[in-house]
Amino acid sequence: MGRGKVVLERIENKINRQVTFSKRRNGLLKKSYELSVLCDAEVALIIFSSRGKLSEFASNISVPTTLEKYWQHRYSSPVDIPLDETQTLYQEVLRLKAKYESLQRSQRHLLGEELESLTVKELYKIEKQLDRALSQARQKKTQLLLERMEELSKKERELEVENKQLKSQLELEHCFQSAQGLGDCSIEMGNEYTMIPSQANHAQQQSSTHTGYHQFIPQKRVTEDRTVNRSGANKCTAGWL
């Protein structure tokens, strides 16, 4: 009897699956070795089991060396593109090129260049585009100006509040200095008024200690002393007022 056909599907029995994996892995490693020896080929084989166990074979020095050679060949070799896809890409390039030239031509027309070949309808269309762009630019400019004015108004209000605060603080400092100056004047005035009686008492004490002695004071000096005392009192009174 011949060998039956093997159905390629996952083996549900865990033991049978493990036995099959071991047998076929060893067979694959053997075939890789035979291919490398018989045909002088560079073969690298990597196998991971369902549990993550690694099995590898390299006909060269190591598997990483062969893999590095593979990646160099993969990215340096030209890519084979089918003919139909090449035609599609070529048409796409032509379409993008035509669109680019059209945009450049429209830009020159908007700048007022190369208008000789345009019809009245095309010129009218360009005029409408310019009017719409000008209107949008003016709206944007007006919006920016209004926002700037609002910022300046807000800053002006803040400066006014700060100016009022500084003015109030300055008035308080001025009032404090005026009150302090008035107190100094009253003290000086009090000292001048109290100096006169003290001088009189001192003179009386001298007269009482020197019995029978009378100091002679010229009339001119008495008049000058009275004038000086009166002027000092008038100055102090004026400062107090």
C-alpha atoms as a PDB file:
ATOM      1  CA  MET A   1       0.000   0.000   0.000  1.00  0.00           C
ATOM      2  CA  GLY A   2       1.151   3.504  -0.754  1.00  0.00           C
ATOM      3  CA  ARG A   3       1.656   6.363   1.671  1.00  0.00           C
ATOM      4  CA  GLY A   4      -1.462   8.345   2.490  1.00  0.00           C
ATOM      5  CA  LYS A   5      -1.865  12.092   1.893  1.00  0.00           C
ATOM      6  CA  VAL A   6      -1.047  14.236   4.893  1.00  0.00           C
ATOM      7  CA  VAL A   7      -3.555  16.956   5.695  1.00  0.00           C
ATOM      8  CA  LEU A   8      -1.774  20.284   6.356  1.00  0.00           C
ATOM      9  CA  GLU A   9      -3.446  21.615   9.456  1.00  0.00           C
ATOM     10  CA  ARG A  10      -2.572  22.165  13.060  1.00  0.00           C
ATOM     11  CA  ILE A  11      -2.124  18.937  15.055  1.00  0.00           C
ATOM     12  CA  GLU A  12      -4.419  19.149  18.046  1.00  0.00           C
ATOM     13  CA  ASN A  13      -2.677  16.464  20.121  1.00  0.00           C
ATOM     14  CA  LYS A  14       0.157  18.134  21.972  1.00  0.00           C
ATOM     15  CA  ILE A  15       2.422  15.042  22.084  1.00  0.00           C
ATOM     16  CA  ASN A  16       1.942  14.265  18.403  1.00  0.00           C
ATOM     17  CA  ARG A  17       2.583  17.918  17.554  1.00  0.00           C
ATOM     18  CA  GLN A  18       5.868  17.905  19.469  1.00  0.00           C
ATOM     19  CA  VAL A  19       7.031  14.631  17.864  1.00  0.00           C
ATOM     20  CA  THR A  20       6.195  15.907  14.394  1.00  0.00           C
ATOM     21  CA  PHE A  21       8.034  19.178  15.053  1.00  0.00           C
ATOM     22  CA  SER A  22      11.206  17.365  16.165  1.00  0.00           C
ATOM     23  CA  LYS A  23      11.222  15.026  13.168  1.00  0.00           C
ATOM     24  CA  ARG A  24      10.560  17.667  10.546  1.00  0.00           C
ATOM     25  CA  ARG A  25      12.992  20.131  12.159  1.00  0.00           C
ATOM     26  CA  ASN A  26      15.804  17.587  12.001  1.00  0.00           C
ATOM     27  CA  GLY A  27      14.874  16.797   8.399  1.00  0.00           C
ATOM     28  CA  LEU A  28      14.887  20.503   7.480  1.00  0.00           C
ATOM     29  CA  LEU A  29      18.283  21.029   9.110  1.00  0.00           C
ATOM     30  CA  LYS A  30      19.630  17.987   7.245  1.00  0.00           C
ATOM     31  CA  LYS A  31      18.290  19.224   3.912  1.00  0.00           C
ATOM     32  CA  SER A  32      19.823  22.685   4.544  1.00  0.00           C
ATOM     33  CA  TYR A  33      23.208  21.110   5.208  1.00  0.00           C
ATOM     34  CA  GLU A  34      22.977  18.937   2.105  1.00  0.00           C
ATOM     35  CA  LEU A  35      22.021  21.932  -0.053  1.00  0.00           C
ATOM     36  CA  SER A  36      24.964  23.973   1.199  1.00  0.00           C
ATOM     37  CA  VAL A  37      27.434  21.131   0.577  1.00  0.00           C
ATOM     38  CA  LEU A  38      26.164  19.841  -2.754  1.00  0.00           C
ATOM     39  CA  CYS A  39      25.518  23.207  -4.388  1.00  0.00           C
ATOM     40  CA  ASP A  40      28.111  25.334  -2.524  1.00  0.00           C
ATOM     41  CA  ALA A  41      25.320  27.638  -1.388  1.00  0.00           C
ATOM     42  CA  GLU A  42      25.218  29.933   1.631  1.00  0.00           C
ATOM     43  CA  VAL A  43      22.271  28.806   3.757  1.00  0.00           C
ATOM     44  CA  ALA A  44      20.957  30.248   7.020  1.00  0.00           C
ATOM     45  CA  LEU A  45      18.037  28.624   8.819  1.00  0.00           C
ATOM     46  CA  ILE A  46      16.195  29.942  11.897  1.00  0.00           C
ATOM     47  CA  ILE A  47      13.434  27.960  13.647  1.00  0.00           C
ATOM     48  CA  PHE A  48      11.447  28.900  16.771  1.00  0.00           C
ATOM     49  CA  SER A  49       9.301  26.287  18.448  1.00  0.00           C
ATOM     50  CA  SER A  50       5.901  26.988  19.965  1.00  0.00           C
ATOM     51  CA  ARG A  51       7.627  27.416  23.348  1.00  0.00           C
ATOM     52  CA  GLY A  52      10.118  29.907  21.920  1.00  0.00           C
ATOM     53  CA  LYS A  53      13.106  27.551  21.697  1.00  0.00           C
ATOM     54  CA  LEU A  54      15.587  28.561  18.981  1.00  0.00           C
ATOM     55  CA  SER A  55      17.108  26.190  16.432  1.00  0.00           C
ATOM     56  CA  GLU A  56      19.420  27.556  13.736  1.00  0.00           C
ATOM     57  CA  PHE A  57      21.830  26.457  11.042  1.00  0.00           C
ATOM     58  CA  ALA A  58      24.399  28.480   9.085  1.00  0.00           C
ATOM     59  CA  SER A  59      26.625  27.169   6.348  1.00  0.00           C
ATOM     60  CA  ASN A  60      28.836  30.251   6.680  1.00  0.00           C
ATOM     61  CA  ILE A  61      30.417  31.666   9.847  1.00  0.00           C
ATOM     62  CA  SER A  62      27.174  32.489  11.639  1.00  0.00           C
ATOM     63  CA  VAL A  63      23.513  33.312  11.020  1.00  0.00           C
ATOM     64  CA  PRO A  64      23.925  37.084  11.743  1.00  0.00           C
ATOM     65  CA  THR A  65      26.605  37.309   9.054  1.00  0.00           C
ATOM     66  CA  THR A  66      24.292  35.768   6.482  1.00  0.00           C
ATOM     67  CA  LEU A  67      21.417  37.997   7.627  1.00  0.00           C
ATOM     68  CA  GLU A  68      23.554  41.135   7.270  1.00  0.00           C
ATOM     69  CA  LYS A  69      24.458  40.072   3.761  1.00  0.00           C
ATOM     70  CA  TYR A  70      20.751  39.525   3.048  1.00  0.00           C
ATOM     71  CA  TRP A  71      19.762  43.005   4.216  1.00  0.00           C
ATOM     72  CA  GLN A  72      22.524  44.629   2.181  1.00  0.00           C
ATOM     73  CA  HIS A  73      21.377  42.809  -0.916  1.00  0.00           C
ATOM     74  CA  ARG A  74      17.706  43.552  -0.162  1.00  0.00           C
ATOM     75  CA  TYR A  75      18.091  47.333   0.005  1.00  0.00           C
ATOM     76  CA  SER A  76      20.819  47.791  -2.610  1.00  0.00           C
ATOM     77  CA  SER A  77      19.264  45.766  -5.389  1.00  0.00           C
ATOM     78  CA  PRO A  78      16.873  47.515  -7.805  1.00  0.00           C
ATOM     79  CA  VAL A  79      13.194  46.993  -7.221  1.00  0.00           C
ATOM     80  CA  ASP A  80      11.353  45.204  -9.968  1.00  0.00           C
ATOM     81  CA  ILE A  81       8.195  47.118 -10.833  1.00  0.00           C
ATOM     82  CA  PRO A  82       5.578  45.592 -13.126  1.00  0.00           C
ATOM     83  CA  LEU A  83       4.961  47.251 -16.459  1.00  0.00           C
ATOM     84  CA  ASP A  84       1.364  48.216 -15.658  1.00  0.00           C
ATOM     85  CA  GLU A  85       2.420  49.893 -12.433  1.00  0.00           C
ATOM     86  CA  THR A  86       5.187  51.731 -14.275  1.00  0.00           C
ATOM     87  CA  GLN A  87       2.681  53.162 -16.741  1.00  0.00           C
ATOM     88  CA  THR A  88       0.423  54.240 -13.870  1.00  0.00           C
ATOM     89  CA  LEU A  89       3.269  56.007 -12.086  1.00  0.00           C
ATOM     90  CA  TYR A  90       4.326  57.732 -15.292  1.00  0.00           C
ATOM     91  CA  GLN A  91       0.808  59.065 -15.858  1.00  0.00           C
ATOM     92  CA  GLU A  92       0.648  60.276 -12.250  1.00  0.00           C
ATOM     93  CA  VAL A  93       3.929  62.136 -12.716  1.00  0.00           C
ATOM     94  CA  LEU A  94       2.606  63.796 -15.868  1.00  0.00           C
ATOM     95  CA  ARG A  95      -0.593  64.823 -14.094  1.00  0.00           C
ATOM     96  CA  LEU A  96       1.305  66.357 -11.152  1.00  0.00           C
ATOM     97  CA  LYS A  97       3.647  68.161 -13.533  1.00  0.00           C
ATOM     98  CA  ALA A  98       0.734  69.680 -15.453  1.00  0.00           C
ATOM     99  CA  LYS A  99      -0.904  70.768 -12.205  1.00  0.00           C
ATOM    100  CA  TYR A 100       2.332  72.381 -11.025  1.00  0.00           C
ATOM    101  CA  GLU A 101       2.679  74.339 -14.271  1.00  0.00           C
ATOM    102  CA  SER A 102      -0.954  75.466 -14.028  1.00  0.00           C
ATOM    103  CA  LEU A 103      -0.438  76.750 -10.486  1.00  0.00           C
ATOM    104  CA  GLN A 104       2.662  78.639 -11.535  1.00  0.00           C
ATOM    105  CA  ARG A 105       0.787  80.218 -14.447  1.00  0.00           C
ATOM    106  CA  SER A 106      -2.093  81.233 -12.145  1.00  0.00           C
ATOM    107  CA  GLN A 107       0.365  82.813  -9.730  1.00  0.00           C
ATOM    108  CA  ARG A 108       1.933  84.868 -12.520  1.00  0.00           C
ATOM    109  CA  HIS A 109      -1.522  86.011 -13.626  1.00  0.00           C
ATOM    110  CA  LEU A 110      -2.378  87.127 -10.091  1.00  0.00           C
ATOM    111  CA  LEU A 111       0.854  89.118 -10.046  1.00  0.00           C
ATOM    112  CA  GLY A 112      -0.170  90.865 -13.261  1.00  0.00           C
ATOM    113  CA  GLU A 113       2.195  88.986 -15.556  1.00  0.00           C
ATOM    114  CA  GLU A 114       1.509  87.276 -18.894  1.00  0.00           C
ATOM    115  CA  LEU A 115      -2.024  88.701 -19.272  1.00  0.00           C
ATOM    116  CA  GLU A 116      -1.847  89.201 -23.024  1.00  0.00           C
ATOM    117  CA  SER A 117      -3.128  85.734 -23.920  1.00  0.00           C
ATOM    118  CA  LEU A 118      -6.127  85.827 -21.547  1.00  0.00           C
ATOM    119  CA  THR A 119      -9.717  86.444 -22.597  1.00  0.00           C
ATOM    120  CA  VAL A 120     -12.160  88.884 -20.999  1.00  0.00           C
ATOM    121  CA  LYS A 121     -13.822  86.057 -19.074  1.00  0.00           C
ATOM    122  CA  GLU A 122     -10.509  84.889 -17.652  1.00  0.00           C
ATOM    123  CA  LEU A 123      -9.535  88.450 -16.715  1.00  0.00           C
ATOM    124  CA  TYR A 124     -12.881  88.919 -14.981  1.00  0.00           C
ATOM    125  CA  LYS A 125     -12.296  85.704 -13.034  1.00  0.00           C
ATOM    126  CA  ILE A 126      -8.858  86.930 -11.937  1.00  0.00           C
ATOM    127  CA  GLU A 127     -10.368  90.257 -10.911  1.00  0.00           C
ATOM    128  CA  LYS A 128     -12.952  88.509  -8.714  1.00  0.00           C
ATOM    129  CA  GLN A 129     -10.222  86.456  -7.088  1.00  0.00           C
ATOM    130  CA  LEU A 130      -8.203  89.578  -6.339  1.00  0.00           C
ATOM    131  CA  ASP A 131     -11.245  91.378  -4.928  1.00  0.00           C
ATOM    132  CA  ARG A 132     -12.040  88.429  -2.668  1.00  0.00           C
ATOM    133  CA  ALA A 133      -8.436  88.211  -1.487  1.00  0.00           C
ATOM    134  CA  LEU A 134      -8.328  91.974  -0.880  1.00  0.00           C
ATOM    135  CA  SER A 135     -11.577  91.866   1.122  1.00  0.00           C
ATOM    136  CA  GLN A 136     -10.296  89.037   3.305  1.00  0.00           C
ATOM    137  CA  ALA A 137      -7.002  90.853   3.856  1.00  0.00           C
ATOM    138  CA  ARG A 138      -8.843  94.031   4.929  1.00  0.00           C
ATOM    139  CA  GLN A 139     -11.076  92.096   7.328  1.00  0.00           C
ATOM    140  CA  LYS A 140      -8.057  90.459   8.891  1.00  0.00           C
ATOM    141  CA  LYS A 141      -6.279  93.809   9.173  1.00  0.00           C
ATOM    142  CA  THR A 142      -9.345  95.418  10.806  1.00  0.00           C
ATOM    143  CA  GLN A 143      -9.593  92.552  13.289  1.00  0.00           C
ATOM    144  CA  LEU A 144      -5.922  92.895  14.222  1.00  0.00           C
ATOM    145  CA  LEU A 145      -6.287  96.679  14.642  1.00  0.00           C
ATOM    146  CA  LEU A 146      -9.346  96.272  16.892  1.00  0.00           C
ATOM    147  CA  GLU A 147      -7.544  93.725  19.040  1.00  0.00           C
ATOM    148  CA  ARG A 148      -4.561  96.064  19.299  1.00  0.00           C
ATOM    149  CA  MET A 149      -6.799  98.988  20.279  1.00  0.00           C
ATOM    150  CA  GLU A 150      -8.457  96.866  22.937  1.00  0.00           C
ATOM    151  CA  GLU A 151      -5.062  95.934  24.361  1.00  0.00           C
ATOM    152  CA  LEU A 152      -3.981  99.586  24.412  1.00  0.00           C
ATOM    153  CA  SER A 153      -7.245 100.656  26.096  1.00  0.00           C
ATOM    154  CA  LYS A 154      -6.795  98.010  28.756  1.00  0.00           C
ATOM    155  CA  LYS A 155      -3.221  99.140  29.321  1.00  0.00           C
ATOM    156  CA  GLU A 156      -4.386 102.769  29.531  1.00  0.00           C
ATOM    157  CA  ARG A 157      -6.936 101.880  32.233  1.00  0.00           C
ATOM    158  CA  GLU A 158      -4.296 100.020  34.192  1.00  0.00           C
ATOM    159  CA  LEU A 159      -1.947 103.002  33.962  1.00  0.00           C
ATOM    160  CA  GLU A 160      -4.704 105.365  35.147  1.00  0.00           C
ATOM    161  CA  VAL A 161      -5.360 103.201  38.196  1.00  0.00           C
ATOM    162  CA  GLU A 162      -1.655 103.048  38.936  1.00  0.00           C
ATOM    163  CA  ASN A 163      -1.356 106.822  38.486  1.00  0.00           C
ATOM    164  CA  LYS A 164      -4.191 107.432  40.968  1.00  0.00           C
ATOM    165  CA  GLN A 165      -2.559 105.148  43.502  1.00  0.00           C
ATOM    166  CA  LEU A 166       0.774 106.934  43.149  1.00  0.00           C
ATOM    167  CA  LYS A 167      -0.927 110.333  43.414  1.00  0.00           C
ATOM    168  CA  SER A 168      -2.729 109.301  46.622  1.00  0.00           C
ATOM    169  CA  GLN A 169       0.502 107.980  48.082  1.00  0.00           C
ATOM    170  CA  LEU A 170       2.293 111.221  47.196  1.00  0.00           C
ATOM    171  CA  GLU A 171      -0.441 113.323  48.850  1.00  0.00           C
ATOM    172  CA  LEU A 172      -0.221 111.220  52.006  1.00  0.00           C
ATOM    173  CA  GLU A 173       3.543 111.675  52.145  1.00  0.00           C
ATOM    174  CA  HIS A 174       3.153 115.446  51.616  1.00  0.00           C
ATOM    175  CA  CYS A 175       0.565 115.681  54.415  1.00  0.00           C
ATOM    176  CA  PHE A 176       2.813 113.674  56.723  1.00  0.00           C
ATOM    177  CA  GLN A 177       5.764 115.983  56.000  1.00  0.00           C
ATOM    178  CA  SER A 178       3.583 119.090  56.568  1.00  0.00           C
ATOM    179  CA  ALA A 179       2.335 117.726  59.901  1.00  0.00           C
ATOM    180  CA  GLN A 180       5.885 116.888  60.971  1.00  0.00           C
ATOM    181  CA  GLY A 181       7.083 120.413  60.047  1.00  0.00           C
ATOM    182  CA  LEU A 182       4.233 122.002  62.052  1.00  0.00           C
ATOM    183  CA  GLY A 183       5.187 119.997  65.137  1.00  0.00           C
ATOM    184  CA  ASP A 184       8.831 121.168  64.897  1.00  0.00           C
ATOM    185  CA  CYS A 185       7.696 124.788  64.682  1.00  0.00           C
ATOM    186  CA  SER A 186       5.516 124.473  67.791  1.00  0.00           C
ATOM    187  CA  ILE A 187       8.429 122.979  69.679  1.00  0.00           C
ATOM    188  CA  GLU A 188      10.738 125.801  68.621  1.00  0.00           C
ATOM    189  CA  MET A 189       8.063 128.343  69.531  1.00  0.00           C
ATOM    190  CA  GLY A 190       7.660 126.761  72.951  1.00  0.00           C
ATOM    191  CA  ASN A 191      11.396 126.903  73.561  1.00  0.00           C
ATOM    192  CA  GLU A 192      11.526 130.585  72.662  1.00  0.00           C
ATOM    193  CA  TYR A 193       8.645 131.402  74.981  1.00  0.00           C
ATOM    194  CA  THR A 194      10.132 129.446  77.837  1.00  0.00           C
ATOM    195  CA  MET A 195      13.556 131.008  77.444  1.00  0.00           C
ATOM    196  CA  ILE A 196      12.296 134.450  78.384  1.00  0.00           C
ATOM    197  CA  PRO A 197      10.966 133.552  81.869  1.00  0.00           C
ATOM    198  CA  SER A 198      14.078 131.494  82.562  1.00  0.00           C
ATOM    199  CA  GLN A 199      16.261 134.469  81.815  1.00  0.00           C
ATOM    200  CA  ALA A 200      14.153 136.591  84.132  1.00  0.00           C
ATOM    201  CA  ASN A 201      14.440 134.032  86.957  1.00  0.00           C
ATOM    202  CA  HIS A 202      18.178 133.820  86.421  1.00  0.00           C
ATOM    203  CA  ALA A 203      18.423 137.592  86.662  1.00  0.00           C
ATOM    204  CA  GLN A 204      16.379 137.572  89.874  1.00  0.00           C
ATOM    205  CA  GLN A 205      18.608 134.912  91.375  1.00  0.00           C
ATOM    206  CA  GLN A 206      21.687 136.957  90.562  1.00  0.00           C
ATOM    207  CA  SER A 207      20.130 140.058  92.077  1.00  0.00           C
ATOM    208  CA  SER A 208      19.168 138.181  95.252  1.00  0.00           C
ATOM    209  CA  THR A 209      22.618 136.684  95.703  1.00  0.00           C
ATOM    210  CA  HIS A 210      24.327 140.051  95.200  1.00  0.00           C
ATOM    211  CA  THR A 211      22.548 142.188  97.741  1.00  0.00           C
ATOM    212  CA  GLY A 212      23.094 145.871  97.284  1.00  0.00           C
ATOM    213  CA  TYR A 213      24.667 145.361  93.839  1.00  0.00           C
ATOM    214  CA  HIS A 214      22.899 146.827  90.830  1.00  0.00           C
ATOM    215  CA  GLN A 215      24.206 146.167  87.363  1.00  0.00           C
ATOM    216  CA  PHE A 216      24.111 149.112  85.050  1.00  0.00           C
ATOM    217  CA  ILE A 217      22.530 148.311  81.639  1.00  0.00           C
ATOM    218  CA  PRO A 218      22.549 151.042  79.027  1.00  0.00           C
ATOM    219  CA  GLN A 219      19.245 152.183  77.649  1.00  0.00           C
ATOM    220  CA  LYS A 220      20.302 151.385  74.093  1.00  0.00           C
ATOM    221  CA  ARG A 221      21.015 147.716  74.909  1.00  0.00           C
ATOM    222  CA  VAL A 222      17.654 147.320  76.663  1.00  0.00           C
ATOM    223  CA  THR A 223      15.874 148.671  73.600  1.00  0.00           C
ATOM    224  CA  GLU A 224      17.775 146.279  71.262  1.00  0.00           C
ATOM    225  CA  ASP A 225      16.966 143.251  73.447  1.00  0.00           C
ATOM    226  CA  ARG A 226      13.287 144.067  73.423  1.00  0.00           C
ATOM    227  CA  THR A 227      13.324 144.498  69.643  1.00  0.00           C
ATOM    228  CA  VAL A 228      15.049 141.106  69.153  1.00  0.00           C
ATOM    229  CA  ASN A 229      12.589 139.337  71.451  1.00  0.00           C
ATOM    230  CA  ARG A 230       9.607 140.825  69.678  1.00  0.00           C
ATOM    231  CA  SER A 231      10.919 139.893  66.230  1.00  0.00           C
ATOM    232  CA  GLY A 232      11.586 136.286  67.346  1.00  0.00           C
ATOM    233  CA  ALA A 233       8.087 135.979  68.741  1.00  0.00           C
ATOM    234  CA  ASN A 234       6.565 137.358  65.533  1.00  0.00           C
ATOM    235  CA  LYS A 235       8.542 134.838  63.411  1.00  0.00           C
ATOM    236  CA  CYS A 236       7.442 131.916  65.503  1.00  0.00           C
ATOM    237  CA  THR A 237       3.822 133.079  65.433  1.00  0.00           C
ATOM    238  CA  ALA A 238       3.970 133.376  61.624  1.00  0.00           C
ATOM    239  CA  GLY A 239       5.450 129.883  61.308  1.00  0.00           C
ATOM    240  CA  TRP A 240       2.764 128.464  63.579  1.00  0.00           C
ATOM    241  CA  LEU A 241       0.044 130.084  61.479  1.00  0.00           C
END
